[in-house]
Amino acid sequence: MASLTAAQRGKIRRLSQPRELSPDEEGGELNIVPFLDIVVNILIFVLATVAVTFTSTIETTPPAAKGTGIRAATPTDSLNLTVLIVSEGFSLKASGGSVATGCQGVGSGISIPRKGNDYDFAGLTACAQRLKASNEAYAEEEQVFIAANPGTEYQLLIRVMDALRNAEDGKTPLFPKVNFKVPQ
C-alpha cells in the first residue's frame, strides 16, 4: 500500500471533521428566545412609561345661531340666568335685567367683582342661590347660560360651571344644565 500524499491527508482530515449545520439544516426550527426577550423588554418599557389619563365629560349645549335659540321657547316666568365672565369678575343677567354689584337687586356693573387676583366663586354660588330662591317660579329651573371673553382659560370655565352646579351645601342642585353663549 502506498503512502498518502500531503494533499490527500489534508482532504481526509477536512472531511472527517464534524461540520456545523446551518439553521436551515437543523430541522427547520428557529431559536426565537432572543426575539422574545427583546419583545418582553420593549413591552415592559412601554407599560412603565405610558401616562395614565382619566377623562370625564361635562354635558353642555353649544351656542345657538342668531335668530334661533332657547330664549324663544322659554316661558316668561323663568330666571334665564346668564353669567358673563369678564376680566373684572362675573356679570350676571336675568330675565329682570342686569344684577347689581354685590348681587343686590337690579343695576349695572360687575355683579361679583374679583377678590384680589382671583375670581370669587363662592360669591357666584351664593348669588346664584339667592337669585334662584327669589321667586318660587325659579325653583324648578336647571339651566344657566355662560358667556366668556375670548382668551378665557378653559379651567376658569370649568370652575364657573362647578360653582353654579350645586348650592353652598354641595348637595342641593342649582343649575346642572349648562348652555354656552357667544358674547356680542
C-alpha atoms as a PDB file:
ATOM      1  CA  MET A   1       0.000   0.000   0.000  1.00  0.00           C
ATOM      2  CA  ALA A   2       1.307   3.332  -0.966  1.00  0.00           C
ATOM      3  CA  SER A   3       1.507   6.169   1.448  1.00  0.00           C
ATOM      4  CA  LEU A   4      -0.807   9.102   1.098  1.00  0.00           C
ATOM      5  CA  THR A   5       0.345  12.413  -0.122  1.00  0.00           C
ATOM      6  CA  ALA A   6       0.036  15.567   1.957  1.00  0.00           C
ATOM      7  CA  ALA A   7      -2.893  16.804  -0.182  1.00  0.00           C
ATOM      8  CA  GLN A   8      -4.752  13.539   0.304  1.00  0.00           C
ATOM      9  CA  ARG A   9      -4.182  13.543   4.046  1.00  0.00           C
ATOM     10  CA  GLY A  10      -5.443  17.169   4.258  1.00  0.00           C
ATOM     11  CA  LYS A  11      -8.591  16.290   2.339  1.00  0.00           C
ATOM     12  CA  ILE A  12      -9.290  13.305   4.583  1.00  0.00           C
ATOM     13  CA  ARG A  13      -8.737  15.448   7.679  1.00  0.00           C
ATOM     14  CA  ARG A  14     -11.178  18.112   6.416  1.00  0.00           C
ATOM     15  CA  LEU A  15     -13.843  15.601   5.506  1.00  0.00           C
ATOM     16  CA  SER A  16     -13.558  13.698   8.755  1.00  0.00           C
ATOM     17  CA  GLN A  17     -14.067  16.769  10.999  1.00  0.00           C
ATOM     18  CA  PRO A  18     -17.666  17.400  12.089  1.00  0.00           C
ATOM     19  CA  ARG A  19     -19.120  20.377  10.313  1.00  0.00           C
ATOM     20  CA  GLU A  20     -21.586  22.941  11.722  1.00  0.00           C
ATOM     21  CA  LEU A  21     -25.091  22.758  10.405  1.00  0.00           C
ATOM     22  CA  SER A  22     -26.767  25.884   9.097  1.00  0.00           C
ATOM     23  CA  PRO A  23     -30.137  26.935  10.624  1.00  0.00           C
ATOM     24  CA  ASP A  24     -31.863  25.571   7.541  1.00  0.00           C
ATOM     25  CA  GLU A  25     -30.389  22.107   8.121  1.00  0.00           C
ATOM     26  CA  GLU A  26     -31.320  21.918  11.854  1.00  0.00           C
ATOM     27  CA  GLY A  27     -34.766  20.584  11.185  1.00  0.00           C
ATOM     28  CA  GLY A  28     -36.466  23.892  10.284  1.00  0.00           C
ATOM     29  CA  GLU A  29     -36.705  25.254  13.864  1.00  0.00           C
ATOM     30  CA  LEU A  30     -35.733  28.827  14.633  1.00  0.00           C
ATOM     31  CA  ASN A  31     -34.446  29.927  18.007  1.00  0.00           C
ATOM     32  CA  ILE A  32     -36.948  32.685  18.939  1.00  0.00           C
ATOM     33  CA  VAL A  33     -35.834  33.108  22.557  1.00  0.00           C
ATOM     34  CA  PRO A  34     -33.689  36.204  21.821  1.00  0.00           C
ATOM     35  CA  PHE A  35     -36.567  37.720  19.856  1.00  0.00           C
ATOM     36  CA  LEU A  36     -38.999  37.116  22.738  1.00  0.00           C
ATOM     37  CA  ASP A  37     -36.535  38.684  25.184  1.00  0.00           C
ATOM     38  CA  ILE A  38     -36.483  41.854  23.103  1.00  0.00           C
ATOM     39  CA  VAL A  39     -40.293  41.961  22.766  1.00  0.00           C
ATOM     40  CA  VAL A  40     -40.834  41.482  26.516  1.00  0.00           C
ATOM     41  CA  ASN A  41     -38.293  44.213  27.335  1.00  0.00           C
ATOM     42  CA  ILE A  42     -39.992  46.635  24.930  1.00  0.00           C
ATOM     43  CA  LEU A  43     -43.421  45.774  26.348  1.00  0.00           C
ATOM     44  CA  ILE A  44     -42.261  46.398  29.924  1.00  0.00           C
ATOM     45  CA  PHE A  45     -40.696  49.705  28.876  1.00  0.00           C
ATOM     46  CA  VAL A  46     -43.892  50.845  27.132  1.00  0.00           C
ATOM     47  CA  LEU A  47     -46.097  49.889  30.062  1.00  0.00           C
ATOM     48  CA  ALA A  48     -43.801  51.667  32.506  1.00  0.00           C
ATOM     49  CA  THR A  49     -43.721  54.907  30.520  1.00  0.00           C
ATOM     50  CA  VAL A  50     -47.346  55.203  29.416  1.00  0.00           C
ATOM     51  CA  ALA A  51     -49.036  58.136  31.086  1.00  0.00           C
ATOM     52  CA  VAL A  52     -52.337  57.130  32.591  1.00  0.00           C
ATOM     53  CA  THR A  53     -55.029  59.678  31.866  1.00  0.00           C
ATOM     54  CA  PHE A  54     -58.537  59.793  33.164  1.00  0.00           C
ATOM     55  CA  THR A  55     -61.145  61.739  31.279  1.00  0.00           C
ATOM     56  CA  SER A  56     -64.564  62.883  32.265  1.00  0.00           C
ATOM     57  CA  THR A  57     -67.272  64.540  30.271  1.00  0.00           C
ATOM     58  CA  ILE A  58     -69.386  67.531  31.079  1.00  0.00           C
ATOM     59  CA  GLU A  59     -72.624  67.712  29.147  1.00  0.00           C
ATOM     60  CA  THR A  60     -73.225  71.163  27.732  1.00  0.00           C
ATOM     61  CA  THR A  61     -75.195  72.762  24.924  1.00  0.00           C
ATOM     62  CA  PRO A  62     -73.294  74.666  22.240  1.00  0.00           C
ATOM     63  CA  PRO A  63     -74.337  78.235  21.453  1.00  0.00           C
ATOM     64  CA  ALA A  64     -77.237  78.583  19.049  1.00  0.00           C
ATOM     65  CA  ALA A  65     -77.166  80.668  15.889  1.00  0.00           C
ATOM     66  CA  LYS A  66     -78.605  84.175  15.951  1.00  0.00           C
ATOM     67  CA  GLY A  67     -82.346  84.287  15.445  1.00  0.00           C
ATOM     68  CA  THR A  68     -82.893  80.806  16.806  1.00  0.00           C
ATOM     69  CA  GLY A  69     -82.348  79.667  20.282  1.00  0.00           C
ATOM     70  CA  ILE A  70     -83.679  78.663  23.614  1.00  0.00           C
ATOM     71  CA  ARG A  71     -84.945  82.099  24.668  1.00  0.00           C
ATOM     72  CA  ALA A  72     -87.853  81.972  22.230  1.00  0.00           C
ATOM     73  CA  ALA A  73     -89.059  78.696  23.734  1.00  0.00           C
ATOM     74  CA  THR A  74     -88.565  79.581  27.413  1.00  0.00           C
ATOM     75  CA  PRO A  75     -91.532  80.856  29.394  1.00  0.00           C
ATOM     76  CA  THR A  76     -91.503  84.448  30.648  1.00  0.00           C
ATOM     77  CA  ASP A  77     -91.655  83.363  34.305  1.00  0.00           C
ATOM     78  CA  SER A  78     -88.187  81.800  34.153  1.00  0.00           C
ATOM     79  CA  LEU A  79     -84.961  83.234  35.555  1.00  0.00           C
ATOM     80  CA  ASN A  80     -82.870  82.837  32.372  1.00  0.00           C
ATOM     81  CA  LEU A  81     -79.667  83.366  34.345  1.00  0.00           C
ATOM     82  CA  THR A  82     -76.675  84.355  32.229  1.00  0.00           C
ATOM     83  CA  VAL A  83     -73.169  84.598  33.677  1.00  0.00           C
ATOM     84  CA  LEU A  84     -70.675  86.701  31.738  1.00  0.00           C
ATOM     85  CA  ILE A  85     -67.043  86.008  32.608  1.00  0.00           C
ATOM     86  CA  VAL A  86     -65.024  89.193  32.204  1.00  0.00           C
ATOM     87  CA  SER A  87     -61.593  90.214  33.425  1.00  0.00           C
ATOM     88  CA  GLU A  88     -63.088  92.249  36.312  1.00  0.00           C
ATOM     89  CA  GLY A  89     -65.235  89.385  37.658  1.00  0.00           C
ATOM     90  CA  PHE A  90     -68.698  87.998  36.889  1.00  0.00           C
ATOM     91  CA  SER A  91     -71.574  89.959  35.429  1.00  0.00           C
ATOM     92  CA  LEU A  92     -74.953  88.304  35.925  1.00  0.00           C
ATOM     93  CA  LYS A  93     -78.040  88.943  33.884  1.00  0.00           C
ATOM     94  CA  ALA A  94     -81.502  87.547  34.483  1.00  0.00           C
ATOM     95  CA  SER A  95     -84.897  87.978  32.839  1.00  0.00           C
ATOM     96  CA  GLY A  96     -85.483  91.041  35.064  1.00  0.00           C
ATOM     97  CA  GLY A  97     -82.272  92.759  33.894  1.00  0.00           C
ATOM     98  CA  SER A  98     -78.658  93.010  34.982  1.00  0.00           C
ATOM     99  CA  VAL A  99     -77.829  92.093  38.576  1.00  0.00           C
ATOM    100  CA  ALA A 100     -76.232  94.926  40.570  1.00  0.00           C
ATOM    101  CA  THR A 101     -72.854  94.769  42.282  1.00  0.00           C
ATOM    102  CA  GLY A 102     -72.936  92.537  45.342  1.00  0.00           C
ATOM    103  CA  CYS A 103     -75.953  90.682  43.944  1.00  0.00           C
ATOM    104  CA  GLN A 104     -78.300  93.273  45.464  1.00  0.00           C
ATOM    105  CA  GLY A 105     -81.216  93.898  43.108  1.00  0.00           C
ATOM    106  CA  VAL A 106     -81.256  95.216  39.562  1.00  0.00           C
ATOM    107  CA  GLY A 107     -78.491  97.517  38.394  1.00  0.00           C
ATOM    108  CA  SER A 108     -75.430  97.863  36.246  1.00  0.00           C
ATOM    109  CA  GLY A 109     -71.809  96.947  36.838  1.00  0.00           C
ATOM    110  CA  ILE A 110     -69.959  93.797  37.751  1.00  0.00           C
ATOM    111  CA  SER A 111     -72.233  91.630  39.905  1.00  0.00           C
ATOM    112  CA  ILE A 112     -69.440  89.644  41.568  1.00  0.00           C
ATOM    113  CA  PRO A 113     -66.110  91.534  41.410  1.00  0.00           C
ATOM    114  CA  ARG A 114     -62.800  89.732  41.748  1.00  0.00           C
ATOM    115  CA  LYS A 115     -61.225  89.271  45.167  1.00  0.00           C
ATOM    116  CA  GLY A 116     -57.646  90.324  44.686  1.00  0.00           C
ATOM    117  CA  ASN A 117     -56.215  88.347  41.770  1.00  0.00           C
ATOM    118  CA  ASP A 118     -58.765  85.515  41.859  1.00  0.00           C
ATOM    119  CA  TYR A 119     -62.400  85.203  40.901  1.00  0.00           C
ATOM    120  CA  ASP A 120     -64.972  84.927  43.709  1.00  0.00           C
ATOM    121  CA  PHE A 121     -66.516  81.516  43.056  1.00  0.00           C
ATOM    122  CA  ALA A 122     -68.125  81.301  46.496  1.00  0.00           C
ATOM    123  CA  GLY A 123     -69.772  84.679  45.848  1.00  0.00           C
ATOM    124  CA  LEU A 124     -71.004  83.423  42.478  1.00  0.00           C
ATOM    125  CA  THR A 125     -72.567  80.345  44.100  1.00  0.00           C
ATOM    126  CA  ALA A 126     -74.210  82.454  46.820  1.00  0.00           C
ATOM    127  CA  CYS A 127     -75.573  84.958  44.284  1.00  0.00           C
ATOM    128  CA  ALA A 128     -76.971  82.229  42.013  1.00  0.00           C
ATOM    129  CA  GLN A 129     -78.572  80.559  45.021  1.00  0.00           C
ATOM    130  CA  ARG A 130     -80.084  83.879  46.152  1.00  0.00           C
ATOM    131  CA  LEU A 131     -81.462  84.592  42.659  1.00  0.00           C
ATOM    132  CA  LYS A 132     -82.975  81.122  42.331  1.00  0.00           C
ATOM    133  CA  ALA A 133     -84.638  81.422  45.752  1.00  0.00           C
ATOM    134  CA  SER A 134     -86.026  84.895  44.999  1.00  0.00           C
ATOM    135  CA  ASN A 135     -89.132  83.532  43.239  1.00  0.00           C
ATOM    136  CA  GLU A 136     -90.954  80.203  43.579  1.00  0.00           C
ATOM    137  CA  ALA A 137     -91.249  80.007  39.785  1.00  0.00           C
ATOM    138  CA  TYR A 138     -87.458  79.688  39.535  1.00  0.00           C
ATOM    139  CA  ALA A 139     -87.230  76.653  41.847  1.00  0.00           C
ATOM    140  CA  GLU A 140     -87.529  74.090  39.033  1.00  0.00           C
ATOM    141  CA  GLU A 141     -85.163  75.893  36.654  1.00  0.00           C
ATOM    142  CA  GLU A 142     -81.992  73.937  35.970  1.00  0.00           C
ATOM    143  CA  GLN A 143     -80.269  75.715  33.095  1.00  0.00           C
ATOM    144  CA  VAL A 144     -77.753  78.522  33.149  1.00  0.00           C
ATOM    145  CA  PHE A 145     -76.106  80.350  30.265  1.00  0.00           C
ATOM    146  CA  ILE A 146     -72.374  81.083  30.370  1.00  0.00           C
ATOM    147  CA  ALA A 147     -70.541  83.522  28.113  1.00  0.00           C
ATOM    148  CA  ALA A 148     -66.858  84.405  28.290  1.00  0.00           C
ATOM    149  CA  ASN A 149     -64.476  86.867  26.729  1.00  0.00           C
ATOM    150  CA  PRO A 150     -62.157  85.486  24.066  1.00  0.00           C
ATOM    151  CA  GLY A 151     -58.993  84.124  25.636  1.00  0.00           C
ATOM    152  CA  THR A 152     -60.729  82.945  28.808  1.00  0.00           C
ATOM    153  CA  GLU A 153     -58.945  79.910  30.206  1.00  0.00           C
ATOM    154  CA  TYR A 154     -60.710  76.575  29.953  1.00  0.00           C
ATOM    155  CA  GLN A 155     -60.101  75.854  33.644  1.00  0.00           C
ATOM    156  CA  LEU A 156     -61.931  79.074  34.551  1.00  0.00           C
ATOM    157  CA  LEU A 157     -64.995  77.910  32.585  1.00  0.00           C
ATOM    158  CA  ILE A 158     -64.925  74.582  34.408  1.00  0.00           C
ATOM    159  CA  ARG A 159     -64.674  76.296  37.807  1.00  0.00           C
ATOM    160  CA  VAL A 160     -67.642  78.561  36.931  1.00  0.00           C
ATOM    161  CA  MET A 161     -69.715  75.522  35.914  1.00  0.00           C
ATOM    162  CA  ASP A 162     -68.752  73.798  39.169  1.00  0.00           C
ATOM    163  CA  ALA A 163     -69.706  76.895  41.184  1.00  0.00           C
ATOM    164  CA  LEU A 164     -73.129  77.025  39.508  1.00  0.00           C
ATOM    165  CA  ARG A 165     -73.839  73.299  39.602  1.00  0.00           C
ATOM    166  CA  ASN A 166     -74.650  72.949  43.332  1.00  0.00           C
ATOM    167  CA  ALA A 167     -75.677  75.235  46.198  1.00  0.00           C
ATOM    168  CA  GLU A 168     -73.298  76.197  49.008  1.00  0.00           C
ATOM    169  CA  ASP A 169     -74.108  72.987  50.904  1.00  0.00           C
ATOM    170  CA  GLY A 170     -72.746  70.997  47.937  1.00  0.00           C
ATOM    171  CA  LYS A 171     -75.797  68.732  47.751  1.00  0.00           C
ATOM    172  CA  THR A 172     -78.700  70.873  46.535  1.00  0.00           C
ATOM    173  CA  PRO A 173     -78.577  71.262  42.755  1.00  0.00           C
ATOM    174  CA  LEU A 174     -78.687  74.819  41.417  1.00  0.00           C
ATOM    175  CA  PHE A 175     -78.063  74.826  37.686  1.00  0.00           C
ATOM    176  CA  PRO A 176     -76.770  71.431  36.486  1.00  0.00           C
ATOM    177  CA  LYS A 177     -77.565  72.150  32.812  1.00  0.00           C
ATOM    178  CA  VAL A 178     -75.028  74.477  31.218  1.00  0.00           C
ATOM    179  CA  ASN A 179     -75.553  76.289  27.922  1.00  0.00           C
ATOM    180  CA  PHE A 180     -72.888  78.400  26.272  1.00  0.00           C
ATOM    181  CA  LYS A 181     -73.476  81.791  24.692  1.00  0.00           C
ATOM    182  CA  VAL A 182     -71.317  83.784  22.390  1.00  0.00           C
ATOM    183  CA  PRO A 183     -70.699  87.316  23.732  1.00  0.00           C
ATOM    184  CA  GLN A 184     -71.729  90.039  21.299  1.00  0.00           C
END
